[in-house]
Amino acid sequence: MQTFEISDLAKRLDPTQASSAEFLRVPAMSLSVYRIPAGAPDPQQPHTEDEVYYVVRGRGVFRSGKEERAIQPGTVLFVEAGVEHRFERITEDLALLVVFAPAKGTRAAR
């Protein structure tokens, strides 16, 4: 068994810009913590794997395609592989748990 504390993992991230850190990787999935400060842009591009976000801390808006939704602690979001998405209008620093399935980058063209 492995255990992790999101608050400890988040301390590894740059507090001034969007940043992430992977902390678990197995073939079927990978887990990361992702932090975006209030007012900062979310630079991510669509991923080649399905993705789940769990909002640990913060508030803002999540856009996926033409849909948008206000997010807050406890919100869970699912994004299919290849779909354009990003966090916008971040009013409180975001801390997110991110799950990729399969592991991030494993479906990318080599």
N, C-alpha and C. Protein backbone atom coordinates (compact mmCIF):
# COMPACT_ATOMS: atom_id res chain seq x y z
N MET A 1 0.84 -1.18 0.00
CA MET A 1 0.00 0.00 0.00
C MET A 1 0.89 1.24 0.00
N GLN A 2 0.42 2.26 -0.71
CA GLN A 2 1.08 3.55 -0.69
C GLN A 2 0.06 4.60 -0.24
N THR A 3 0.51 5.58 0.51
CA THR A 3 -0.38 6.66 0.93
C THR A 3 0.27 8.00 0.61
N PHE A 4 -0.58 8.98 0.41
CA PHE A 4 -0.11 10.31 0.02
C PHE A 4 -0.97 11.35 0.71
N GLU A 5 -0.39 12.51 0.99
CA GLU A 5 -1.10 13.66 1.54
C GLU A 5 -1.06 14.77 0.50
N ILE A 6 -2.23 15.16 0.01
CA ILE A 6 -2.29 16.20 -1.03
C ILE A 6 -1.62 17.48 -0.56
N SER A 7 -1.80 17.86 0.69
CA SER A 7 -1.20 19.10 1.17
C SER A 7 0.32 19.03 1.09
N ASP A 8 0.93 17.88 1.37
CA ASP A 8 2.38 17.73 1.26
C ASP A 8 2.82 17.76 -0.21
N LEU A 9 2.07 17.10 -1.07
CA LEU A 9 2.40 17.07 -2.49
C LEU A 9 2.32 18.47 -3.10
N ALA A 10 1.32 19.24 -2.70
CA ALA A 10 1.12 20.59 -3.26
C ALA A 10 2.27 21.53 -2.90
N LYS A 11 2.95 21.28 -1.79
CA LYS A 11 4.08 22.12 -1.39
C LYS A 11 5.25 22.04 -2.36
N ARG A 12 5.29 21.00 -3.18
CA ARG A 12 6.37 20.83 -4.18
C ARG A 12 6.18 21.73 -5.41
N LEU A 13 5.01 22.31 -5.55
CA LEU A 13 4.67 23.04 -6.77
C LEU A 13 4.99 24.52 -6.67
N ASP A 14 5.26 25.12 -7.83
CA ASP A 14 5.54 26.55 -7.93
C ASP A 14 4.27 27.33 -7.59
N PRO A 15 4.29 28.17 -6.56
CA PRO A 15 3.08 28.90 -6.18
C PRO A 15 2.75 30.08 -7.08
N THR A 16 3.62 30.42 -8.03
CA THR A 16 3.41 31.61 -8.85
C THR A 16 2.82 31.33 -10.23
N GLN A 17 2.74 30.06 -10.63
CA GLN A 17 2.20 29.72 -11.95
C GLN A 17 1.60 28.33 -11.92
N ALA A 18 0.86 27.98 -12.96
CA ALA A 18 0.28 26.65 -13.06
C ALA A 18 1.41 25.62 -13.09
N SER A 19 1.32 24.62 -12.25
CA SER A 19 2.34 23.58 -12.21
C SER A 19 1.74 22.29 -11.70
N SER A 20 2.35 21.17 -12.09
CA SER A 20 1.86 19.87 -11.65
C SER A 20 3.02 18.96 -11.32
N ALA A 21 2.70 17.93 -10.54
CA ALA A 21 3.71 16.93 -10.17
C ALA A 21 3.04 15.57 -10.10
N GLU A 22 3.54 14.65 -10.89
CA GLU A 22 3.04 13.28 -10.84
C GLU A 22 3.61 12.60 -9.59
N PHE A 23 2.76 11.84 -8.88
CA PHE A 23 3.25 11.16 -7.69
C PHE A 23 2.97 9.66 -7.69
N LEU A 24 2.24 9.17 -8.69
CA LEU A 24 2.02 7.73 -8.81
C LEU A 24 1.83 7.38 -10.27
N ARG A 25 2.50 6.30 -10.71
CA ARG A 25 2.36 5.85 -12.09
C ARG A 25 2.39 4.33 -12.11
N VAL A 26 1.34 3.76 -12.68
CA VAL A 26 1.26 2.34 -13.01
C VAL A 26 0.71 2.30 -14.43
N PRO A 27 0.80 1.18 -15.14
CA PRO A 27 0.35 1.18 -16.53
C PRO A 27 -1.11 1.63 -16.73
N ALA A 28 -1.99 1.29 -15.82
CA ALA A 28 -3.40 1.59 -16.01
C ALA A 28 -3.79 3.03 -15.68
N MET A 29 -2.95 3.75 -14.91
CA MET A 29 -3.29 5.12 -14.53
C MET A 29 -2.08 5.84 -13.97
N SER A 30 -2.21 7.15 -13.89
CA SER A 30 -1.22 7.96 -13.19
C SER A 30 -1.98 9.04 -12.42
N LEU A 31 -1.37 9.47 -11.31
CA LEU A 31 -1.98 10.50 -10.48
C LEU A 31 -1.01 11.67 -10.33
N SER A 32 -1.59 12.85 -10.37
CA SER A 32 -0.81 14.09 -10.22
C SER A 32 -1.56 15.05 -9.33
N VAL A 33 -0.83 15.98 -8.78
CA VAL A 33 -1.44 17.13 -8.13
C VAL A 33 -1.15 18.32 -9.05
N TYR A 34 -2.16 19.17 -9.26
CA TYR A 34 -2.06 20.29 -10.19
C TYR A 34 -2.50 21.53 -9.43
N ARG A 35 -1.71 22.58 -9.53
CA ARG A 35 -2.01 23.83 -8.82
C ARG A 35 -2.03 24.98 -9.82
N ILE A 36 -3.05 25.84 -9.70
CA ILE A 36 -3.15 27.04 -10.53
C ILE A 36 -3.49 28.20 -9.61
N PRO A 37 -2.61 29.20 -9.52
CA PRO A 37 -2.90 30.36 -8.67
C PRO A 37 -4.07 31.18 -9.21
N ALA A 38 -4.76 31.87 -8.33
CA ALA A 38 -5.85 32.76 -8.73
C ALA A 38 -5.35 33.73 -9.79
N GLY A 39 -6.13 33.89 -10.85
CA GLY A 39 -5.79 34.82 -11.92
C GLY A 39 -4.80 34.31 -12.94
N ALA A 40 -4.16 33.17 -12.70
CA ALA A 40 -3.16 32.64 -13.64
C ALA A 40 -3.85 31.87 -14.77
N PRO A 41 -3.23 31.83 -15.95
CA PRO A 41 -3.79 31.05 -17.05
C PRO A 41 -3.51 29.55 -16.87
N ASP A 42 -4.38 28.73 -17.43
CA ASP A 42 -4.20 27.28 -17.46
C ASP A 42 -3.67 26.93 -18.84
N PRO A 43 -2.40 26.57 -18.97
CA PRO A 43 -1.80 26.37 -20.29
C PRO A 43 -1.99 24.99 -20.90
N GLN A 44 -2.73 24.10 -20.26
CA GLN A 44 -2.78 22.73 -20.74
C GLN A 44 -3.45 22.59 -22.11
N GLN A 45 -3.07 21.53 -22.78
CA GLN A 45 -3.61 21.14 -24.08
C GLN A 45 -4.36 19.82 -23.90
N PRO A 46 -5.21 19.43 -24.87
CA PRO A 46 -5.90 18.16 -24.74
C PRO A 46 -4.91 17.00 -24.55
N HIS A 47 -5.32 16.03 -23.76
CA HIS A 47 -4.48 14.88 -23.46
C HIS A 47 -4.92 13.67 -24.27
N THR A 48 -4.03 12.72 -24.40
CA THR A 48 -4.32 11.50 -25.16
C THR A 48 -4.97 10.42 -24.30
N GLU A 49 -5.18 10.71 -23.02
CA GLU A 49 -5.81 9.76 -22.10
C GLU A 49 -7.04 10.40 -21.46
N ASP A 50 -7.98 9.57 -21.01
CA ASP A 50 -9.10 10.07 -20.23
C ASP A 50 -8.55 10.67 -18.94
N GLU A 51 -9.32 11.61 -18.39
CA GLU A 51 -8.80 12.36 -17.24
C GLU A 51 -9.93 12.67 -16.25
N VAL A 52 -9.62 12.58 -14.97
CA VAL A 52 -10.55 12.96 -13.91
C VAL A 52 -9.85 14.00 -13.04
N TYR A 53 -10.57 15.07 -12.72
CA TYR A 53 -10.07 16.09 -11.80
C TYR A 53 -10.95 16.06 -10.55
N TYR A 54 -10.32 16.18 -9.39
CA TYR A 54 -11.04 16.37 -8.13
C TYR A 54 -10.52 17.68 -7.55
N VAL A 55 -11.44 18.62 -7.31
CA VAL A 55 -11.06 19.93 -6.78
C VAL A 55 -10.89 19.81 -5.27
N VAL A 56 -9.65 19.93 -4.83
CA VAL A 56 -9.33 19.86 -3.41
C VAL A 56 -9.54 21.22 -2.75
N ARG A 57 -9.11 22.27 -3.45
CA ARG A 57 -9.18 23.63 -2.90
C ARG A 57 -9.34 24.61 -4.06
N GLY A 58 -10.04 25.71 -3.80
CA GLY A 58 -10.13 26.79 -4.77
C GLY A 58 -11.47 26.88 -5.48
N ARG A 59 -11.58 27.94 -6.29
CA ARG A 59 -12.82 28.20 -7.05
C ARG A 59 -12.45 28.80 -8.39
N GLY A 60 -13.31 28.55 -9.36
CA GLY A 60 -13.13 29.07 -10.70
C GLY A 60 -14.18 28.49 -11.61
N VAL A 61 -13.86 28.45 -12.89
CA VAL A 61 -14.75 27.90 -13.92
C VAL A 61 -13.96 26.89 -14.73
N PHE A 62 -14.61 25.78 -15.07
CA PHE A 62 -13.99 24.78 -15.91
C PHE A 62 -14.72 24.79 -17.25
N ARG A 63 -13.94 24.86 -18.34
CA ARG A 63 -14.51 24.86 -19.68
C ARG A 63 -14.07 23.58 -20.39
N SER A 64 -15.03 22.89 -20.98
CA SER A 64 -14.77 21.69 -21.78
C SER A 64 -15.60 21.82 -23.04
N GLY A 65 -14.92 21.98 -24.18
CA GLY A 65 -15.66 22.25 -25.41
C GLY A 65 -16.40 23.56 -25.26
N LYS A 66 -17.72 23.55 -25.49
CA LYS A 66 -18.53 24.76 -25.35
C LYS A 66 -19.22 24.84 -24.00
N GLU A 67 -19.04 23.83 -23.16
CA GLU A 67 -19.67 23.81 -21.84
C GLU A 67 -18.75 24.45 -20.80
N GLU A 68 -19.36 25.08 -19.81
CA GLU A 68 -18.57 25.57 -18.68
C GLU A 68 -19.36 25.34 -17.40
N ARG A 69 -18.60 25.21 -16.32
CA ARG A 69 -19.22 24.92 -15.03
C ARG A 69 -18.39 25.58 -13.92
N ALA A 70 -19.09 26.20 -12.97
CA ALA A 70 -18.41 26.72 -11.78
C ALA A 70 -17.90 25.53 -10.97
N ILE A 71 -16.69 25.66 -10.42
CA ILE A 71 -16.10 24.58 -9.63
C ILE A 71 -15.73 25.08 -8.24
N GLN A 72 -15.70 24.17 -7.30
CA GLN A 72 -15.38 24.47 -5.90
C GLN A 72 -14.87 23.19 -5.27
N PRO A 73 -14.37 23.25 -4.04
CA PRO A 73 -13.90 22.03 -3.38
C PRO A 73 -14.99 20.94 -3.40
N GLY A 74 -14.58 19.75 -3.80
CA GLY A 74 -15.50 18.63 -3.89
C GLY A 74 -16.00 18.34 -5.29
N THR A 75 -15.82 19.28 -6.22
CA THR A 75 -16.26 19.05 -7.60
C THR A 75 -15.38 17.98 -8.24
N VAL A 76 -16.02 17.05 -8.97
CA VAL A 76 -15.31 16.02 -9.73
C VAL A 76 -15.67 16.21 -11.20
N LEU A 77 -14.65 16.23 -12.06
CA LEU A 77 -14.84 16.45 -13.49
C LEU A 77 -14.22 15.30 -14.27
N PHE A 78 -14.91 14.84 -15.30
CA PHE A 78 -14.36 13.82 -16.21
C PHE A 78 -14.23 14.43 -17.59
N VAL A 79 -13.06 14.22 -18.22
CA VAL A 79 -12.81 14.72 -19.57
C VAL A 79 -12.29 13.57 -20.41
N GLU A 80 -12.96 13.31 -21.52
CA GLU A 80 -12.51 12.25 -22.43
C GLU A 80 -11.23 12.66 -23.13
N ALA A 81 -10.44 11.69 -23.49
CA ALA A 81 -9.19 11.93 -24.22
C ALA A 81 -9.46 12.77 -25.46
N GLY A 82 -8.57 13.72 -25.72
CA GLY A 82 -8.64 14.54 -26.93
C GLY A 82 -9.55 15.74 -26.87
N VAL A 83 -10.30 15.92 -25.80
CA VAL A 83 -11.24 17.05 -25.70
C VAL A 83 -10.52 18.28 -25.15
N GLU A 84 -10.72 19.40 -25.83
CA GLU A 84 -10.15 20.68 -25.39
C GLU A 84 -10.80 21.08 -24.06
N HIS A 85 -9.99 21.47 -23.08
CA HIS A 85 -10.51 21.86 -21.78
C HIS A 85 -9.50 22.71 -21.04
N ARG A 86 -10.00 23.50 -20.07
CA ARG A 86 -9.10 24.30 -19.23
C ARG A 86 -9.88 24.94 -18.09
N PHE A 87 -9.12 25.35 -17.11
CA PHE A 87 -9.68 26.09 -15.98
C PHE A 87 -9.55 27.57 -16.29
N GLU A 88 -10.61 28.33 -16.00
CA GLU A 88 -10.65 29.76 -16.31
C GLU A 88 -11.21 30.53 -15.11
N ARG A 89 -11.05 31.85 -15.16
CA ARG A 89 -11.62 32.75 -14.14
C ARG A 89 -11.40 32.18 -12.73
N ILE A 90 -10.17 31.89 -12.43
CA ILE A 90 -9.81 31.31 -11.14
C ILE A 90 -9.77 32.42 -10.10
N THR A 91 -10.67 32.35 -9.14
CA THR A 91 -10.79 33.41 -8.13
C THR A 91 -10.11 33.04 -6.81
N GLU A 92 -9.90 31.75 -6.58
CA GLU A 92 -9.16 31.27 -5.40
C GLU A 92 -8.19 30.21 -5.90
N ASP A 93 -6.95 30.23 -5.42
CA ASP A 93 -5.94 29.26 -5.85
C ASP A 93 -6.53 27.85 -5.91
N LEU A 94 -6.32 27.18 -7.05
CA LEU A 94 -6.82 25.82 -7.23
C LEU A 94 -5.77 24.79 -6.86
N ALA A 95 -6.18 23.75 -6.18
CA ALA A 95 -5.38 22.56 -5.95
C ALA A 95 -6.25 21.39 -6.39
N LEU A 96 -5.73 20.61 -7.33
CA LEU A 96 -6.51 19.55 -7.95
C LEU A 96 -5.79 18.21 -7.88
N LEU A 97 -6.53 17.16 -7.67
CA LEU A 97 -6.02 15.81 -7.83
C LEU A 97 -6.40 15.40 -9.24
N VAL A 98 -5.43 14.91 -10.02
CA VAL A 98 -5.67 14.55 -11.41
C VAL A 98 -5.35 13.07 -11.61
N VAL A 99 -6.30 12.35 -12.22
CA VAL A 99 -6.12 10.93 -12.54
C VAL A 99 -6.17 10.78 -14.05
N PHE A 100 -5.14 10.19 -14.63
CA PHE A 100 -5.12 9.86 -16.05
C PHE A 100 -5.28 8.35 -16.19
N ALA A 101 -6.10 7.91 -17.15
CA ALA A 101 -6.25 6.48 -17.39
C ALA A 101 -6.31 6.23 -18.90
N PRO A 102 -5.39 5.41 -19.43
CA PRO A 102 -4.22 4.86 -18.75
C PRO A 102 -3.25 5.98 -18.37
N ALA A 103 -2.07 5.62 -17.88
CA ALA A 103 -1.10 6.60 -17.39
C ALA A 103 -0.84 7.68 -18.42
N LYS A 104 -0.65 8.91 -17.94
CA LYS A 104 -0.44 10.08 -18.81
C LYS A 104 0.67 9.84 -19.82
N GLY A 105 0.35 10.14 -21.08
CA GLY A 105 1.33 10.04 -22.15
C GLY A 105 1.46 8.67 -22.78
N THR A 106 0.81 7.64 -22.24
CA THR A 106 0.99 6.30 -22.79
C THR A 106 0.32 6.10 -24.14
N ARG A 107 -0.64 6.93 -24.48
CA ARG A 107 -1.31 6.83 -25.79
C ARG A 107 -0.74 7.81 -26.79
N ALA A 108 0.20 8.64 -26.38
CA ALA A 108 0.77 9.65 -27.28
C ALA A 108 1.56 8.96 -28.40
N ALA A 109 1.51 9.56 -29.58
CA ALA A 109 2.27 9.03 -30.71
C ALA A 109 3.75 9.10 -30.40
N ARG A 110 4.45 8.07 -30.74
CA ARG A 110 5.89 8.02 -30.45
C ARG A 110 6.68 8.26 -31.70
